[in-house]
Amino acid sequence: MVKPGSRVLDAGCGDGSLGALLMREKGCRVFGLEIDKNGASHARKKGVDVRIWDVDEGLPFANDSFDYAIMNVTLQMVYLPKFVLEELKRVSRRQIVSFPNFAHLPARLEMLFLGRMPKTALFGHEWHSTRHIHHLSYNDFLGLAKQEGLKVLKVHKLNLHSRNTDALSAAIPSLFCGTAIFLLEK
């Protein structure tokens, strides 16, 4: 999804694994923002130029500073997802946003039959041990992107549970897409 040599903002870069991969494999110039000091320290060790920053406060960059702004499985962890998406749009031509689809069938079944928040491979932890604030769905994000005037260029629909559901993910992503990766353009 990212073209070689691009200027990339990794907002919520964690330990810098994605940024390091983009630098190594695609020759990108990557700048990371991370709220967690420990994560930022690990990112620096991987060569990512990172600043400790809370993206809910806005992004400390001029308009159109980047070719891509990425939020890799982070949007559900911010307090103000709409504002943060507006900021990603402001600072970049294209945005890549990935998130776990809370409406994924295994999550729905866990809620329905066990009566509890999902603890699937999709979410990884008990509800009390995760930083997830917003449990959005594939369709929720599509609506937000449309509201923000973003054009959806490409969507990768990942399913962690079975390789046999690709056709179902394409037909009914709200049920069969475990993690969605959107490439957007303003």
C-alpha atoms as a PDB file:
ATOM      1  CA  MET A   1       0.000   0.000   0.000  1.00  0.00           C
ATOM      2  CA  VAL A   2       2.958   2.343   0.615  1.00  0.00           C
ATOM      3  CA  LYS A   3       5.059   3.428  -2.348  1.00  0.00           C
ATOM      4  CA  PRO A   4       8.860   3.211  -2.051  1.00  0.00           C
ATOM      5  CA  GLY A   5      10.649   6.338  -0.850  1.00  0.00           C
ATOM      6  CA  SER A   6       7.532   7.856   0.717  1.00  0.00           C
ATOM      7  CA  ARG A   7       7.406  10.189   3.710  1.00  0.00           C
ATOM      8  CA  VAL A   8       5.382   8.310   6.328  1.00  0.00           C
ATOM      9  CA  LEU A   9       3.885   9.258   9.670  1.00  0.00           C
ATOM     10  CA  ASP A  10       3.270   6.252  11.917  1.00  0.00           C
ATOM     11  CA  ALA A  11       0.848   7.668  14.495  1.00  0.00           C
ATOM     12  CA  GLY A  12       0.800   5.338  17.469  1.00  0.00           C
ATOM     13  CA  CYS A  13       3.929   3.554  16.269  1.00  0.00           C
ATOM     14  CA  GLY A  14       4.308   1.278  19.297  1.00  0.00           C
ATOM     15  CA  ASP A  15       7.698  -0.424  19.244  1.00  0.00           C
ATOM     16  CA  GLY A  16       8.452   0.844  15.727  1.00  0.00           C
ATOM     17  CA  SER A  17       8.209  -2.528  13.967  1.00  0.00           C
ATOM     18  CA  LEU A  18       6.109  -1.213  11.072  1.00  0.00           C
ATOM     19  CA  GLY A  19       8.256   1.896  10.638  1.00  0.00           C
ATOM     20  CA  ALA A  20      11.456  -0.152  10.654  1.00  0.00           C
ATOM     21  CA  LEU A  21       9.966  -2.491   8.039  1.00  0.00           C
ATOM     22  CA  LEU A  22       8.970   0.435   5.796  1.00  0.00           C
ATOM     23  CA  MET A  23      12.453   1.951   6.087  1.00  0.00           C
ATOM     24  CA  ARG A  24      14.203  -1.343   5.376  1.00  0.00           C
ATOM     25  CA  GLU A  25      11.922  -2.771   2.659  1.00  0.00           C
ATOM     26  CA  LYS A  26      10.671   0.389   0.928  1.00  0.00           C
ATOM     27  CA  GLY A  27      13.302   3.021   1.704  1.00  0.00           C
ATOM     28  CA  CYS A  28      10.689   5.233   3.358  1.00  0.00           C
ATOM     29  CA  ARG A  29      11.419   8.156   5.650  1.00  0.00           C
ATOM     30  CA  VAL A  30       9.359   7.346   8.742  1.00  0.00           C
ATOM     31  CA  PHE A  31       8.450   9.587  11.644  1.00  0.00           C
ATOM     32  CA  GLY A  32       6.686   7.994  14.593  1.00  0.00           C
ATOM     33  CA  LEU A  33       4.456   9.311  17.338  1.00  0.00           C
ATOM     34  CA  GLU A  34       3.971   7.180  20.439  1.00  0.00           C
ATOM     35  CA  ILE A  35       2.366   7.995  23.788  1.00  0.00           C
ATOM     36  CA  ASP A  36       4.182   5.211  25.642  1.00  0.00           C
ATOM     37  CA  LYS A  37       7.786   6.014  26.620  1.00  0.00           C
ATOM     38  CA  ASN A  38       8.765   2.356  26.580  1.00  0.00           C
ATOM     39  CA  GLY A  39       7.348   1.853  23.084  1.00  0.00           C
ATOM     40  CA  ALA A  40       9.096   5.006  21.859  1.00  0.00           C
ATOM     41  CA  SER A  41      12.394   3.759  23.290  1.00  0.00           C
ATOM     42  CA  HIS A  42      12.063   0.457  21.407  1.00  0.00           C
ATOM     43  CA  ALA A  43      11.141   2.326  18.206  1.00  0.00           C
ATOM     44  CA  ARG A  44      14.266   4.484  18.493  1.00  0.00           C
ATOM     45  CA  LYS A  45      16.401   1.355  18.866  1.00  0.00           C
ATOM     46  CA  LYS A  46      14.960   0.196  15.533  1.00  0.00           C
ATOM     47  CA  GLY A  47      15.983   3.462  13.873  1.00  0.00           C
ATOM     48  CA  VAL A  48      12.591   5.184  13.835  1.00  0.00           C
ATOM     49  CA  ASP A  49      12.644   8.939  14.447  1.00  0.00           C
ATOM     50  CA  VAL A  50       9.987   9.055  17.151  1.00  0.00           C
ATOM     51  CA  ARG A  51       8.464  11.658  19.443  1.00  0.00           C
ATOM     52  CA  ILE A  52       6.498  10.920  22.599  1.00  0.00           C
ATOM     53  CA  TRP A  53       3.117  12.430  21.804  1.00  0.00           C
ATOM     54  CA  ASP A  54      -0.594  11.999  22.482  1.00  0.00           C
ATOM     55  CA  VAL A  55      -2.350  12.021  19.097  1.00  0.00           C
ATOM     56  CA  ASP A  56      -5.606  13.062  20.808  1.00  0.00           C
ATOM     57  CA  GLU A  57      -3.921  16.481  21.193  1.00  0.00           C
ATOM     58  CA  GLY A  58      -3.608  16.879  17.419  1.00  0.00           C
ATOM     59  CA  LEU A  59      -0.630  16.189  15.195  1.00  0.00           C
ATOM     60  CA  PRO A  60       2.395  18.509  15.477  1.00  0.00           C
ATOM     61  CA  PHE A  61       2.946  18.845  11.727  1.00  0.00           C
ATOM     62  CA  ALA A  62       2.050  21.270   8.968  1.00  0.00           C
ATOM     63  CA  ASN A  63      -0.613  20.419   6.408  1.00  0.00           C
ATOM     64  CA  ASP A  64       0.448  17.836   3.807  1.00  0.00           C
ATOM     65  CA  SER A  65       3.744  17.023   5.547  1.00  0.00           C
ATOM     66  CA  PHE A  66       3.552  13.333   4.623  1.00  0.00           C
ATOM     67  CA  ASP A  67       2.691  11.104   1.689  1.00  0.00           C
ATOM     68  CA  TYR A  68       1.041   8.640   4.094  1.00  0.00           C
ATOM     69  CA  ALA A  69      -0.198   8.797   7.666  1.00  0.00           C
ATOM     70  CA  ILE A  70      -0.678   5.377   9.219  1.00  0.00           C
ATOM     71  CA  MET A  71      -2.634   4.258  12.275  1.00  0.00           C
ATOM     72  CA  ASN A  72      -1.943   0.558  12.624  1.00  0.00           C
ATOM     73  CA  VAL A  73      -4.428  -0.987  15.084  1.00  0.00           C
ATOM     74  CA  THR A  74      -4.494   2.247  17.095  1.00  0.00           C
ATOM     75  CA  LEU A  75      -7.677   4.138  16.175  1.00  0.00           C
ATOM     76  CA  GLN A  76      -9.718   2.107  18.660  1.00  0.00           C
ATOM     77  CA  MET A  77      -7.332   3.214  21.430  1.00  0.00           C
ATOM     78  CA  VAL A  78      -7.661   6.988  21.050  1.00  0.00           C
ATOM     79  CA  TYR A  79     -10.268   9.071  22.853  1.00  0.00           C
ATOM     80  CA  LEU A  80     -11.214  11.149  19.810  1.00  0.00           C
ATOM     81  CA  PRO A  81     -11.132   8.929  16.691  1.00  0.00           C
ATOM     82  CA  LYS A  82     -12.991  11.397  14.451  1.00  0.00           C
ATOM     83  CA  PHE A  83     -10.627  14.237  15.384  1.00  0.00           C
ATOM     84  CA  VAL A  84      -7.562  12.015  14.966  1.00  0.00           C
ATOM     85  CA  LEU A  85      -8.771  10.897  11.516  1.00  0.00           C
ATOM     86  CA  GLU A  86      -9.273  14.569  10.565  1.00  0.00           C
ATOM     87  CA  GLU A  87      -5.693  15.233  11.684  1.00  0.00           C
ATOM     88  CA  LEU A  88      -4.334  12.299   9.660  1.00  0.00           C
ATOM     89  CA  LYS A  89      -6.172  13.707   6.652  1.00  0.00           C
ATOM     90  CA  ARG A  90      -4.762  17.184   7.295  1.00  0.00           C
ATOM     91  CA  VAL A  91      -1.105  16.115   7.436  1.00  0.00           C
ATOM     92  CA  SER A  92      -1.066  13.565   4.591  1.00  0.00           C
ATOM     93  CA  ARG A  93      -2.294  12.899   1.080  1.00  0.00           C
ATOM     94  CA  ARG A  94      -3.174   9.295   1.884  1.00  0.00           C
ATOM     95  CA  GLN A  95      -4.096   7.533   5.087  1.00  0.00           C
ATOM     96  CA  ILE A  96      -3.806   3.885   6.080  1.00  0.00           C
ATOM     97  CA  VAL A  97      -5.959   2.854   9.009  1.00  0.00           C
ATOM     98  CA  SER A  98      -6.256  -0.660  10.394  1.00  0.00           C
ATOM     99  CA  PHE A  99      -8.414  -1.841  13.264  1.00  0.00           C
ATOM    100  CA  PRO A 100     -10.040  -4.957  14.672  1.00  0.00           C
ATOM    101  CA  ASN A 101     -13.637  -5.294  13.487  1.00  0.00           C
ATOM    102  CA  PHE A 102     -15.688  -5.642  16.655  1.00  0.00           C
ATOM    103  CA  ALA A 103     -18.668  -6.901  14.604  1.00  0.00           C
ATOM    104  CA  HIS A 104     -16.646  -9.892  13.379  1.00  0.00           C
ATOM    105  CA  LEU A 105     -18.671 -13.098  13.732  1.00  0.00           C
ATOM    106  CA  PRO A 106     -16.495 -14.734  16.440  1.00  0.00           C
ATOM    107  CA  ALA A 107     -16.766 -11.574  18.575  1.00  0.00           C
ATOM    108  CA  ARG A 108     -20.538 -11.508  18.112  1.00  0.00           C
ATOM    109  CA  LEU A 109     -20.842 -15.163  19.055  1.00  0.00           C
ATOM    110  CA  GLU A 110     -18.735 -14.714  22.168  1.00  0.00           C
ATOM    111  CA  MET A 111     -20.977 -11.849  23.279  1.00  0.00           C
ATOM    112  CA  LEU A 112     -24.143 -13.777  22.404  1.00  0.00           C
ATOM    113  CA  PHE A 113     -23.334 -17.171  23.887  1.00  0.00           C
ATOM    114  CA  LEU A 114     -20.882 -16.339  26.664  1.00  0.00           C
ATOM    115  CA  GLY A 115     -22.345 -12.961  27.581  1.00  0.00           C
ATOM    116  CA  ARG A 116     -18.954 -11.319  27.858  1.00  0.00           C
ATOM    117  CA  MET A 117     -16.596  -9.063  25.954  1.00  0.00           C
ATOM    118  CA  PRO A 118     -14.672 -11.049  23.355  1.00  0.00           C
ATOM    119  CA  LYS A 119     -11.289 -12.491  24.166  1.00  0.00           C
ATOM    120  CA  THR A 120     -10.492 -13.802  20.709  1.00  0.00           C
ATOM    121  CA  ALA A 121      -7.265 -13.696  18.726  1.00  0.00           C
ATOM    122  CA  LEU A 122      -8.729 -10.495  17.333  1.00  0.00           C
ATOM    123  CA  PHE A 123      -8.548  -8.644  20.649  1.00  0.00           C
ATOM    124  CA  GLY A 124      -5.935 -10.724  22.453  1.00  0.00           C
ATOM    125  CA  HIS A 125      -6.698  -9.820  26.054  1.00  0.00           C
ATOM    126  CA  GLU A 126      -9.436  -9.739  28.650  1.00  0.00           C
ATOM    127  CA  TRP A 127     -11.511  -6.532  28.472  1.00  0.00           C
ATOM    128  CA  HIS A 128      -9.805  -5.129  31.577  1.00  0.00           C
ATOM    129  CA  SER A 129      -6.291  -5.620  30.205  1.00  0.00           C
ATOM    130  CA  THR A 130      -6.666  -3.874  26.860  1.00  0.00           C
ATOM    131  CA  ARG A 131      -6.307  -0.235  25.872  1.00  0.00           C
ATOM    132  CA  HIS A 132      -9.276  -0.435  23.513  1.00  0.00           C
ATOM    133  CA  ILE A 133     -11.692   2.417  24.184  1.00  0.00           C
ATOM    134  CA  HIS A 134     -13.869   2.294  21.071  1.00  0.00           C
ATOM    135  CA  HIS A 135     -15.123  -1.006  19.685  1.00  0.00           C
ATOM    136  CA  LEU A 136     -15.818  -0.009  16.115  1.00  0.00           C
ATOM    137  CA  SER A 137     -17.008  -2.138  13.243  1.00  0.00           C
ATOM    138  CA  TYR A 138     -16.114  -2.280   9.580  1.00  0.00           C
ATOM    139  CA  ASN A 139     -19.340  -0.446   8.725  1.00  0.00           C
ATOM    140  CA  ASP A 140     -18.784   2.160  11.466  1.00  0.00           C
ATOM    141  CA  PHE A 141     -15.438   3.070   9.923  1.00  0.00           C
ATOM    142  CA  LEU A 142     -16.853   3.175   6.388  1.00  0.00           C
ATOM    143  CA  GLY A 143     -19.443   5.670   7.638  1.00  0.00           C
ATOM    144  CA  LEU A 144     -16.816   7.820   9.345  1.00  0.00           C
ATOM    145  CA  ALA A 145     -14.568   7.831   6.262  1.00  0.00           C
ATOM    146  CA  LYS A 146     -17.520   8.913   4.119  1.00  0.00           C
ATOM    147  CA  GLN A 147     -18.489  11.608   6.629  1.00  0.00           C
ATOM    148  CA  GLU A 148     -14.926  12.938   6.498  1.00  0.00           C
ATOM    149  CA  GLY A 149     -14.943  13.033   2.691  1.00  0.00           C
ATOM    150  CA  LEU A 150     -12.268  10.366   2.371  1.00  0.00           C
ATOM    151  CA  LYS A 151     -12.113   8.202  -0.727  1.00  0.00           C
ATOM    152  CA  VAL A 152     -11.563   4.490  -0.060  1.00  0.00           C
ATOM    153  CA  LEU A 153      -8.882   3.356  -2.525  1.00  0.00           C
ATOM    154  CA  LYS A 154      -8.357  -0.178  -1.244  1.00  0.00           C
ATOM    155  CA  VAL A 155      -9.392  -2.404   1.648  1.00  0.00           C
ATOM    156  CA  HIS A 156      -7.603  -5.518   2.864  1.00  0.00           C
ATOM    157  CA  LYS A 157      -9.899  -7.751   4.884  1.00  0.00           C
ATOM    158  CA  LEU A 158      -8.028 -10.136   7.146  1.00  0.00           C
ATOM    159  CA  ASN A 159      -9.552 -13.104   8.897  1.00  0.00           C
ATOM    160  CA  LEU A 160      -7.497 -14.646  11.673  1.00  0.00           C
ATOM    161  CA  HIS A 161      -9.687 -17.709  12.102  1.00  0.00           C
ATOM    162  CA  SER A 162      -9.893 -19.411   8.721  1.00  0.00           C
ATOM    163  CA  ARG A 163      -8.396 -19.253   5.281  1.00  0.00           C
ATOM    164  CA  ASN A 164     -11.665 -20.434   3.770  1.00  0.00           C
ATOM    165  CA  THR A 165     -13.628 -17.239   4.367  1.00  0.00           C
ATOM    166  CA  ASP A 166     -12.023 -14.911   1.802  1.00  0.00           C
ATOM    167  CA  ALA A 167     -15.136 -14.930  -0.384  1.00  0.00           C
ATOM    168  CA  LEU A 168     -17.314 -14.353   2.667  1.00  0.00           C
ATOM    169  CA  SER A 169     -15.069 -11.476   3.826  1.00  0.00           C
ATOM    170  CA  ALA A 170     -15.477  -9.880   0.425  1.00  0.00           C
ATOM    171  CA  ALA A 171     -19.252 -10.371   0.391  1.00  0.00           C
ATOM    172  CA  ILE A 172     -20.080  -9.555   4.026  1.00  0.00           C
ATOM    173  CA  PRO A 173     -17.051  -7.830   5.571  1.00  0.00           C
ATOM    174  CA  SER A 174     -18.944  -6.709   8.663  1.00  0.00           C
ATOM    175  CA  LEU A 175     -19.281 -10.384   9.685  1.00  0.00           C
ATOM    176  CA  PHE A 176     -16.264 -12.136   8.233  1.00  0.00           C
ATOM    177  CA  CYS A 177     -13.472  -9.541   8.304  1.00  0.00           C
ATOM    178  CA  GLY A 178     -11.454  -9.821  11.515  1.00  0.00           C
ATOM    179  CA  THR A 179      -9.125  -6.910  10.873  1.00  0.00           C
ATOM    180  CA  ALA A 180      -9.646  -4.228   8.236  1.00  0.00           C
ATOM    181  CA  ILE A 181      -6.880  -2.213   6.588  1.00  0.00           C
ATOM    182  CA  PHE A 182      -8.140   0.833   4.690  1.00  0.00           C
ATOM    183  CA  LEU A 183      -6.136   2.891   2.205  1.00  0.00           C
ATOM    184  CA  LEU A 184      -7.803   6.300   2.029  1.00  0.00           C
ATOM    185  CA  GLU A 185      -7.230   9.506   0.099  1.00  0.00           C
ATOM    186  CA  LYS A 186      -8.502  13.007   0.702  1.00  0.00           C
END
